[in-house]
Amino acid sequence: MNHDASHSPAPAPSGPAHFAVTGTSLYPYVVAIFVGLLLLSNIGATKFIALGPLTFDGGAILFPLTYIIGDILSEVYGLKAARKAIVLGFAMSILAAITFWLIQIAPGADFWENQSAYEAILGFVPAIVLASVVGFLIGQLLNAYVLVKIKERTHERALWLRLMGSTVVGEFADTFVFCTIYGLAFGLTMGDFWNYLLVGFAYKVGVEVILLPVTYRVIAWVKRREPTYAFAA
């Protein structure tokens, strides 16, 4: 008996997952946005914000977007290309910290009266710099790795699974590493530690969930405009 092909189960994906070539593409622009958001987040993180019982740093406003851009890099360009962007962001964060420190210790002009304000906002605090860059590096690398590994199994299907699975792993690792280093350096109580960890993690994941439809559209837009991705797909 013949059966209508439309009722046949969809074949399982086969072959390697699709990724775009980074040579002549939108890749440099995506990386530039990624690094810019990271640097702005690190500066914003110098202020702590309290909303009722919740405490979080100002970097939380933009930092979740770095994971969204990281997801785009991993989904469209693959693990190797995402890793290059992550290492570049890591290096630029260290360069920014060293630059702010050199400016801090440089002799001020006679009319300069804002040294204490500069040190309070952009001053070099080794523990905060270490917590920020190490948390970022570990979290983003895990985020990219998990997303690509899931994609190798699902290919173009279940994008939501890749995005959320990688976000949960990456954001938790990032927040945990930052809170651990910061807590050890500044003597946070266990209550403050868990408050900062859980609130920060929930907030970052929540932002990505809310922006999931936007992330879907941006990824689709980038894929359509990458000739090598469209060709492979």
C-alpha atoms as a PDB file:
ATOM      1  CA  MET A   1       0.000   0.000   0.000  1.00  0.00           C
ATOM      2  CA  ASN A   2       1.322   3.437  -0.931  1.00  0.00           C
ATOM      3  CA  HIS A   3       1.436   6.099   1.752  1.00  0.00           C
ATOM      4  CA  ASP A   4       1.341   9.863   1.298  1.00  0.00           C
ATOM      5  CA  ALA A   5       4.863  11.213   1.755  1.00  0.00           C
ATOM      6  CA  SER A   6       3.501  14.120   3.788  1.00  0.00           C
ATOM      7  CA  HIS A   7       2.674  11.710   6.600  1.00  0.00           C
ATOM      8  CA  SER A   8       6.174  10.242   6.748  1.00  0.00           C
ATOM      9  CA  PRO A   9       8.295  11.211   9.739  1.00  0.00           C
ATOM     10  CA  ALA A  10      10.866  13.913   9.098  1.00  0.00           C
ATOM     11  CA  PRO A  11      14.296  12.446   8.449  1.00  0.00           C
ATOM     12  CA  ALA A  12      16.901  12.905  11.134  1.00  0.00           C
ATOM     13  CA  PRO A  13      19.497  15.543  10.278  1.00  0.00           C
ATOM     14  CA  SER A  14      22.716  14.177   8.833  1.00  0.00           C
ATOM     15  CA  GLY A  15      26.118  15.579   7.976  1.00  0.00           C
ATOM     16  CA  PRO A  16      27.931  18.435   9.673  1.00  0.00           C
ATOM     17  CA  ALA A  17      26.109  21.432  11.101  1.00  0.00           C
ATOM     18  CA  HIS A  18      26.055  24.575   8.951  1.00  0.00           C
ATOM     19  CA  PHE A  19      28.288  27.551   9.729  1.00  0.00           C
ATOM     20  CA  ALA A  20      29.273  30.645   7.755  1.00  0.00           C
ATOM     21  CA  VAL A  21      32.805  31.516   6.684  1.00  0.00           C
ATOM     22  CA  THR A  22      34.184  34.594   8.454  1.00  0.00           C
ATOM     23  CA  GLY A  23      36.358  35.948   5.625  1.00  0.00           C
ATOM     24  CA  THR A  24      34.089  38.410   3.835  1.00  0.00           C
ATOM     25  CA  SER A  25      30.991  38.608   5.987  1.00  0.00           C
ATOM     26  CA  LEU A  26      29.173  40.417   8.783  1.00  0.00           C
ATOM     27  CA  TYR A  27      31.458  38.710  11.297  1.00  0.00           C
ATOM     28  CA  PRO A  28      33.679  41.769  12.083  1.00  0.00           C
ATOM     29  CA  TYR A  29      30.622  43.923  12.786  1.00  0.00           C
ATOM     30  CA  VAL A  30      29.112  41.336  15.127  1.00  0.00           C
ATOM     31  CA  VAL A  31      32.443  41.034  16.957  1.00  0.00           C
ATOM     32  CA  ALA A  32      32.690  44.826  17.281  1.00  0.00           C
ATOM     33  CA  ILE A  33      29.226  44.980  18.878  1.00  0.00           C
ATOM     34  CA  PHE A  34      30.146  42.081  21.155  1.00  0.00           C
ATOM     35  CA  VAL A  35      33.339  43.744  22.446  1.00  0.00           C
ATOM     36  CA  GLY A  36      31.671  47.161  22.766  1.00  0.00           C
ATOM     37  CA  LEU A  37      28.844  45.781  24.908  1.00  0.00           C
ATOM     38  CA  LEU A  38      31.366  43.974  27.096  1.00  0.00           C
ATOM     39  CA  LEU A  39      33.440  47.100  27.754  1.00  0.00           C
ATOM     40  CA  LEU A  40      30.353  49.195  28.519  1.00  0.00           C
ATOM     41  CA  SER A  41      29.092  46.498  30.894  1.00  0.00           C
ATOM     42  CA  ASN A  42      32.396  46.399  32.758  1.00  0.00           C
ATOM     43  CA  ILE A  43      32.286  50.164  33.316  1.00  0.00           C
ATOM     44  CA  GLY A  44      28.639  50.006  34.397  1.00  0.00           C
ATOM     45  CA  ALA A  45      29.480  47.248  36.870  1.00  0.00           C
ATOM     46  CA  THR A  46      31.337  49.758  39.060  1.00  0.00           C
ATOM     47  CA  LYS A  47      28.015  50.875  40.536  1.00  0.00           C
ATOM     48  CA  PHE A  48      25.825  48.619  42.655  1.00  0.00           C
ATOM     49  CA  ILE A  49      22.079  49.123  42.464  1.00  0.00           C
ATOM     50  CA  ALA A  50      19.540  48.202  45.137  1.00  0.00           C
ATOM     51  CA  LEU A  51      15.874  47.731  44.297  1.00  0.00           C
ATOM     52  CA  GLY A  52      14.125  46.628  47.453  1.00  0.00           C
ATOM     53  CA  PRO A  53      15.751  43.395  48.626  1.00  0.00           C
ATOM     54  CA  LEU A  54      17.524  42.931  45.290  1.00  0.00           C
ATOM     55  CA  THR A  55      21.139  43.964  44.752  1.00  0.00           C
ATOM     56  CA  PHE A  56      22.925  43.916  41.404  1.00  0.00           C
ATOM     57  CA  ASP A  57      25.618  45.858  39.575  1.00  0.00           C
ATOM     58  CA  GLY A  58      25.020  48.293  36.741  1.00  0.00           C
ATOM     59  CA  GLY A  59      26.694  45.969  34.284  1.00  0.00           C
ATOM     60  CA  ALA A  60      23.635  43.725  34.465  1.00  0.00           C
ATOM     61  CA  ILE A  61      21.763  46.207  32.284  1.00  0.00           C
ATOM     62  CA  LEU A  62      23.793  45.454  29.160  1.00  0.00           C
ATOM     63  CA  PHE A  63      25.779  42.336  30.020  1.00  0.00           C
ATOM     64  CA  PRO A  64      23.034  39.823  29.078  1.00  0.00           C
ATOM     65  CA  LEU A  65      23.234  41.223  25.541  1.00  0.00           C
ATOM     66  CA  THR A  66      26.817  39.972  25.274  1.00  0.00           C
ATOM     67  CA  TYR A  67      25.458  36.437  25.639  1.00  0.00           C
ATOM     68  CA  ILE A  68      22.866  37.080  22.952  1.00  0.00           C
ATOM     69  CA  ILE A  69      25.598  38.315  20.583  1.00  0.00           C
ATOM     70  CA  GLY A  70      27.723  35.360  21.691  1.00  0.00           C
ATOM     71  CA  ASP A  71      24.864  33.049  20.719  1.00  0.00           C
ATOM     72  CA  ILE A  72      24.724  34.668  17.273  1.00  0.00           C
ATOM     73  CA  LEU A  73      28.466  34.175  16.827  1.00  0.00           C
ATOM     74  CA  SER A  74      28.289  30.521  17.851  1.00  0.00           C
ATOM     75  CA  GLU A  75      25.109  29.705  15.909  1.00  0.00           C
ATOM     76  CA  VAL A  76      26.127  31.359  12.646  1.00  0.00           C
ATOM     77  CA  TYR A  77      29.933  31.162  12.602  1.00  0.00           C
ATOM     78  CA  GLY A  78      30.799  28.177  14.788  1.00  0.00           C
ATOM     79  CA  LEU A  79      32.911  27.481  17.857  1.00  0.00           C
ATOM     80  CA  LYS A  80      36.295  28.553  16.473  1.00  0.00           C
ATOM     81  CA  ALA A  81      35.008  31.947  15.305  1.00  0.00           C
ATOM     82  CA  ALA A  82      33.127  32.522  18.572  1.00  0.00           C
ATOM     83  CA  ARG A  83      36.232  31.615  20.566  1.00  0.00           C
ATOM     84  CA  LYS A  84      38.270  34.235  18.679  1.00  0.00           C
ATOM     85  CA  ALA A  85      35.703  36.921  19.552  1.00  0.00           C
ATOM     86  CA  ILE A  86      35.622  35.834  23.198  1.00  0.00           C
ATOM     87  CA  VAL A  87      39.418  35.933  23.519  1.00  0.00           C
ATOM     88  CA  LEU A  88      39.443  39.359  21.843  1.00  0.00           C
ATOM     89  CA  GLY A  89      36.841  40.627  24.312  1.00  0.00           C
ATOM     90  CA  PHE A  90      38.895  39.180  27.170  1.00  0.00           C
ATOM     91  CA  ALA A  91      42.056  40.917  25.916  1.00  0.00           C
ATOM     92  CA  MET A  92      40.310  44.263  25.413  1.00  0.00           C
ATOM     93  CA  SER A  93      38.863  44.096  28.940  1.00  0.00           C
ATOM     94  CA  ILE A  94      42.354  43.641  30.360  1.00  0.00           C
ATOM     95  CA  LEU A  95      43.682  46.446  28.152  1.00  0.00           C
ATOM     96  CA  ALA A  96      40.896  48.751  29.373  1.00  0.00           C
ATOM     97  CA  ALA A  97      41.667  47.933  33.016  1.00  0.00           C
ATOM     98  CA  ILE A  98      45.393  48.597  32.533  1.00  0.00           C
ATOM     99  CA  THR A  99      44.650  51.854  30.696  1.00  0.00           C
ATOM    100  CA  PHE A 100      42.349  53.084  33.486  1.00  0.00           C
ATOM    101  CA  TRP A 101      45.015  52.144  36.049  1.00  0.00           C
ATOM    102  CA  LEU A 102      47.792  54.010  34.206  1.00  0.00           C
ATOM    103  CA  ILE A 103      45.563  57.097  33.982  1.00  0.00           C
ATOM    104  CA  GLN A 104      44.778  56.734  37.684  1.00  0.00           C
ATOM    105  CA  ILE A 105      48.425  56.760  38.789  1.00  0.00           C
ATOM    106  CA  ALA A 106      49.509  59.462  36.324  1.00  0.00           C
ATOM    107  CA  PRO A 107      50.198  62.889  37.937  1.00  0.00           C
ATOM    108  CA  GLY A 108      47.091  65.055  37.795  1.00  0.00           C
ATOM    109  CA  ALA A 109      47.047  68.627  36.531  1.00  0.00           C
ATOM    110  CA  ASP A 110      46.973  71.419  39.113  1.00  0.00           C
ATOM    111  CA  PHE A 111      43.366  72.233  38.329  1.00  0.00           C
ATOM    112  CA  TRP A 112      42.245  68.567  38.420  1.00  0.00           C
ATOM    113  CA  GLU A 113      40.052  68.077  41.484  1.00  0.00           C
ATOM    114  CA  ASN A 114      38.316  64.794  40.630  1.00  0.00           C
ATOM    115  CA  GLN A 115      40.974  62.196  41.407  1.00  0.00           C
ATOM    116  CA  SER A 116      38.925  60.537  44.140  1.00  0.00           C
ATOM    117  CA  ALA A 117      35.855  60.442  41.885  1.00  0.00           C
ATOM    118  CA  TYR A 118      37.907  58.892  39.074  1.00  0.00           C
ATOM    119  CA  GLU A 119      39.314  56.245  41.388  1.00  0.00           C
ATOM    120  CA  ALA A 120      35.842  55.454  42.734  1.00  0.00           C
ATOM    121  CA  ILE A 121      34.417  54.832  39.252  1.00  0.00           C
ATOM    122  CA  LEU A 122      37.277  53.744  36.992  1.00  0.00           C
ATOM    123  CA  GLY A 123      39.928  52.950  39.574  1.00  0.00           C
ATOM    124  CA  PHE A 124      41.826  49.685  39.206  1.00  0.00           C
ATOM    125  CA  VAL A 125      40.534  47.136  41.700  1.00  0.00           C
ATOM    126  CA  PRO A 126      42.388  43.856  41.000  1.00  0.00           C
ATOM    127  CA  ALA A 127      39.727  41.615  42.548  1.00  0.00           C
ATOM    128  CA  ILE A 128      36.900  43.141  40.506  1.00  0.00           C
ATOM    129  CA  VAL A 129      38.925  43.032  37.278  1.00  0.00           C
ATOM    130  CA  LEU A 130      39.927  39.418  37.941  1.00  0.00           C
ATOM    131  CA  ALA A 131      36.367  38.388  38.813  1.00  0.00           C
ATOM    132  CA  SER A 132      34.955  40.103  35.746  1.00  0.00           C
ATOM    133  CA  VAL A 133      37.386  38.850  33.103  1.00  0.00           C
ATOM    134  CA  VAL A 134      37.686  35.292  34.430  1.00  0.00           C
ATOM    135  CA  GLY A 135      33.913  34.945  34.812  1.00  0.00           C
ATOM    136  CA  PHE A 136      33.389  36.308  31.307  1.00  0.00           C
ATOM    137  CA  LEU A 137      35.990  34.019  29.741  1.00  0.00           C
ATOM    138  CA  ILE A 138      34.720  30.831  31.381  1.00  0.00           C
ATOM    139  CA  GLY A 139      31.033  31.671  30.911  1.00  0.00           C
ATOM    140  CA  GLN A 140      31.300  32.669  27.266  1.00  0.00           C
ATOM    141  CA  LEU A 141      33.472  29.706  26.300  1.00  0.00           C
ATOM    142  CA  LEU A 142      31.000  27.326  27.938  1.00  0.00           C
ATOM    143  CA  ASN A 143      28.093  29.141  26.287  1.00  0.00           C
ATOM    144  CA  ALA A 144      29.662  28.751  22.831  1.00  0.00           C
ATOM    145  CA  TYR A 145      30.687  25.132  23.417  1.00  0.00           C
ATOM    146  CA  VAL A 146      27.260  24.010  24.630  1.00  0.00           C
ATOM    147  CA  LEU A 147      25.429  25.782  21.789  1.00  0.00           C
ATOM    148  CA  VAL A 148      27.627  24.294  19.063  1.00  0.00           C
ATOM    149  CA  LYS A 149      27.486  20.797  20.557  1.00  0.00           C
ATOM    150  CA  ILE A 150      23.688  20.920  20.676  1.00  0.00           C
ATOM    151  CA  LYS A 151      23.615  22.220  17.102  1.00  0.00           C
ATOM    152  CA  GLU A 152      25.725  19.287  15.931  1.00  0.00           C
ATOM    153  CA  ARG A 153      22.821  17.076  17.010  1.00  0.00           C
ATOM    154  CA  THR A 154      19.846  19.271  16.104  1.00  0.00           C
ATOM    155  CA  HIS A 155      21.215  21.157  13.062  1.00  0.00           C
ATOM    156  CA  GLU A 156      18.676  23.859  12.105  1.00  0.00           C
ATOM    157  CA  ARG A 157      15.974  22.503  14.397  1.00  0.00           C
ATOM    158  CA  ALA A 158      15.226  23.472  18.017  1.00  0.00           C
ATOM    159  CA  LEU A 159      17.058  26.800  18.030  1.00  0.00           C
ATOM    160  CA  TRP A 160      15.352  27.649  21.324  1.00  0.00           C
ATOM    161  CA  LEU A 161      17.006  24.610  22.914  1.00  0.00           C
ATOM    162  CA  ARG A 162      20.448  25.730  21.829  1.00  0.00           C
ATOM    163  CA  LEU A 163      19.923  29.302  22.939  1.00  0.00           C
ATOM    164  CA  MET A 164      18.469  28.528  26.350  1.00  0.00           C
ATOM    165  CA  GLY A 165      20.651  25.506  27.095  1.00  0.00           C
ATOM    166  CA  SER A 166      23.840  27.423  26.406  1.00  0.00           C
ATOM    167  CA  THR A 167      22.605  30.491  28.267  1.00  0.00           C
ATOM    168  CA  VAL A 168      21.774  28.582  31.452  1.00  0.00           C
ATOM    169  CA  VAL A 169      25.211  26.931  31.533  1.00  0.00           C
ATOM    170  CA  GLY A 170      27.208  29.988  30.505  1.00  0.00           C
ATOM    171  CA  GLU A 171      25.424  32.579  32.624  1.00  0.00           C
ATOM    172  CA  PHE A 172      25.506  30.399  35.731  1.00  0.00           C
ATOM    173  CA  ALA A 173      29.235  29.722  35.351  1.00  0.00           C
ATOM    174  CA  ASP A 174      29.949  33.411  34.715  1.00  0.00           C
ATOM    175  CA  THR A 175      27.905  34.630  37.684  1.00  0.00           C
ATOM    176  CA  PHE A 176      29.227  31.924  40.019  1.00  0.00           C
ATOM    177  CA  VAL A 177      32.877  32.632  39.198  1.00  0.00           C
ATOM    178  CA  PHE A 178      32.399  36.396  39.560  1.00  0.00           C
ATOM    179  CA  CYS A 179      30.537  36.111  42.867  1.00  0.00           C
ATOM    180  CA  THR A 180      33.076  33.623  44.262  1.00  0.00           C
ATOM    181  CA  ILE A 181      36.130  35.761  43.493  1.00  0.00           C
ATOM    182  CA  TYR A 182      34.371  38.969  44.561  1.00  0.00           C
ATOM    183  CA  GLY A 183      33.032  37.353  47.727  1.00  0.00           C
ATOM    184  CA  LEU A 184      36.429  36.002  48.777  1.00  0.00           C
ATOM    185  CA  ALA A 185      38.086  39.366  48.121  1.00  0.00           C
ATOM    186  CA  PHE A 186      35.550  41.556  49.915  1.00  0.00           C
ATOM    187  CA  GLY A 187      34.197  39.207  52.558  1.00  0.00           C
ATOM    188  CA  LEU A 188      30.591  38.850  51.423  1.00  0.00           C
ATOM    189  CA  THR A 189      28.345  37.015  53.828  1.00  0.00           C
ATOM    190  CA  MET A 190      26.800  33.804  52.561  1.00  0.00           C
ATOM    191  CA  GLY A 191      23.442  35.540  52.422  1.00  0.00           C
ATOM    192  CA  ASP A 192      24.798  38.329  50.244  1.00  0.00           C
ATOM    193  CA  PHE A 193      26.669  35.804  48.106  1.00  0.00           C
ATOM    194  CA  TRP A 194      23.577  33.732  47.355  1.00  0.00           C
ATOM    195  CA  ASN A 195      21.438  36.812  46.849  1.00  0.00           C
ATOM    196  CA  TYR A 196      23.873  38.258  44.329  1.00  0.00           C
ATOM    197  CA  LEU A 197      24.389  34.898  42.610  1.00  0.00           C
ATOM    198  CA  LEU A 198      20.745  33.852  42.278  1.00  0.00           C
ATOM    199  CA  VAL A 199      19.352  37.291  41.510  1.00  0.00           C
ATOM    200  CA  GLY A 200      22.086  37.986  38.967  1.00  0.00           C
ATOM    201  CA  PHE A 201      21.670  34.605  37.290  1.00  0.00           C
ATOM    202  CA  ALA A 202      17.863  34.798  37.217  1.00  0.00           C
ATOM    203  CA  TYR A 203      17.931  38.341  35.857  1.00  0.00           C
ATOM    204  CA  LYS A 204      20.388  37.539  33.049  1.00  0.00           C
ATOM    205  CA  VAL A 205      18.523  34.408  31.986  1.00  0.00           C
ATOM    206  CA  GLY A 206      15.211  36.263  32.250  1.00  0.00           C
ATOM    207  CA  VAL A 207      16.423  38.996  29.912  1.00  0.00           C
ATOM    208  CA  GLU A 208      17.456  36.403  27.335  1.00  0.00           C
ATOM    209  CA  VAL A 209      14.090  34.649  27.608  1.00  0.00           C
ATOM    210  CA  ILE A 210      12.252  37.929  27.057  1.00  0.00           C
ATOM    211  CA  LEU A 211      14.476  38.784  24.092  1.00  0.00           C
ATOM    212  CA  LEU A 212      14.297  35.292  22.587  1.00  0.00           C
ATOM    213  CA  PRO A 213      11.953  36.372  19.732  1.00  0.00           C
ATOM    214  CA  VAL A 214      14.340  39.208  18.887  1.00  0.00           C
ATOM    215  CA  THR A 215      17.311  36.830  18.983  1.00  0.00           C
ATOM    216  CA  TYR A 216      15.487  34.472  16.607  1.00  0.00           C
ATOM    217  CA  ARG A 217      14.914  37.267  14.103  1.00  0.00           C
ATOM    218  CA  VAL A 218      18.457  38.602  14.311  1.00  0.00           C
ATOM    219  CA  ILE A 219      19.949  35.149  13.797  1.00  0.00           C
ATOM    220  CA  ALA A 220      17.661  34.537  10.816  1.00  0.00           C
ATOM    221  CA  TRP A 221      18.597  37.948   9.374  1.00  0.00           C
ATOM    222  CA  VAL A 222      22.332  37.264   9.702  1.00  0.00           C
ATOM    223  CA  LYS A 223      21.999  33.778   8.215  1.00  0.00           C
ATOM    224  CA  ARG A 224      20.153  35.113   5.170  1.00  0.00           C
ATOM    225  CA  ARG A 225      22.867  37.707   4.554  1.00  0.00           C
ATOM    226  CA  GLU A 226      25.771  35.313   4.906  1.00  0.00           C
ATOM    227  CA  PRO A 227      26.221  33.758   1.425  1.00  0.00           C
ATOM    228  CA  THR A 228      28.388  30.925   2.713  1.00  0.00           C
ATOM    229  CA  TYR A 229      25.794  29.972   5.328  1.00  0.00           C
ATOM    230  CA  ALA A 230      22.923  30.053   2.867  1.00  0.00           C
ATOM    231  CA  PHE A 231      24.938  27.961   0.420  1.00  0.00           C
ATOM    232  CA  ALA A 232      25.779  25.357   3.038  1.00  0.00           C
ATOM    233  CA  ALA A 233      22.196  25.198   4.254  1.00  0.00           C
END
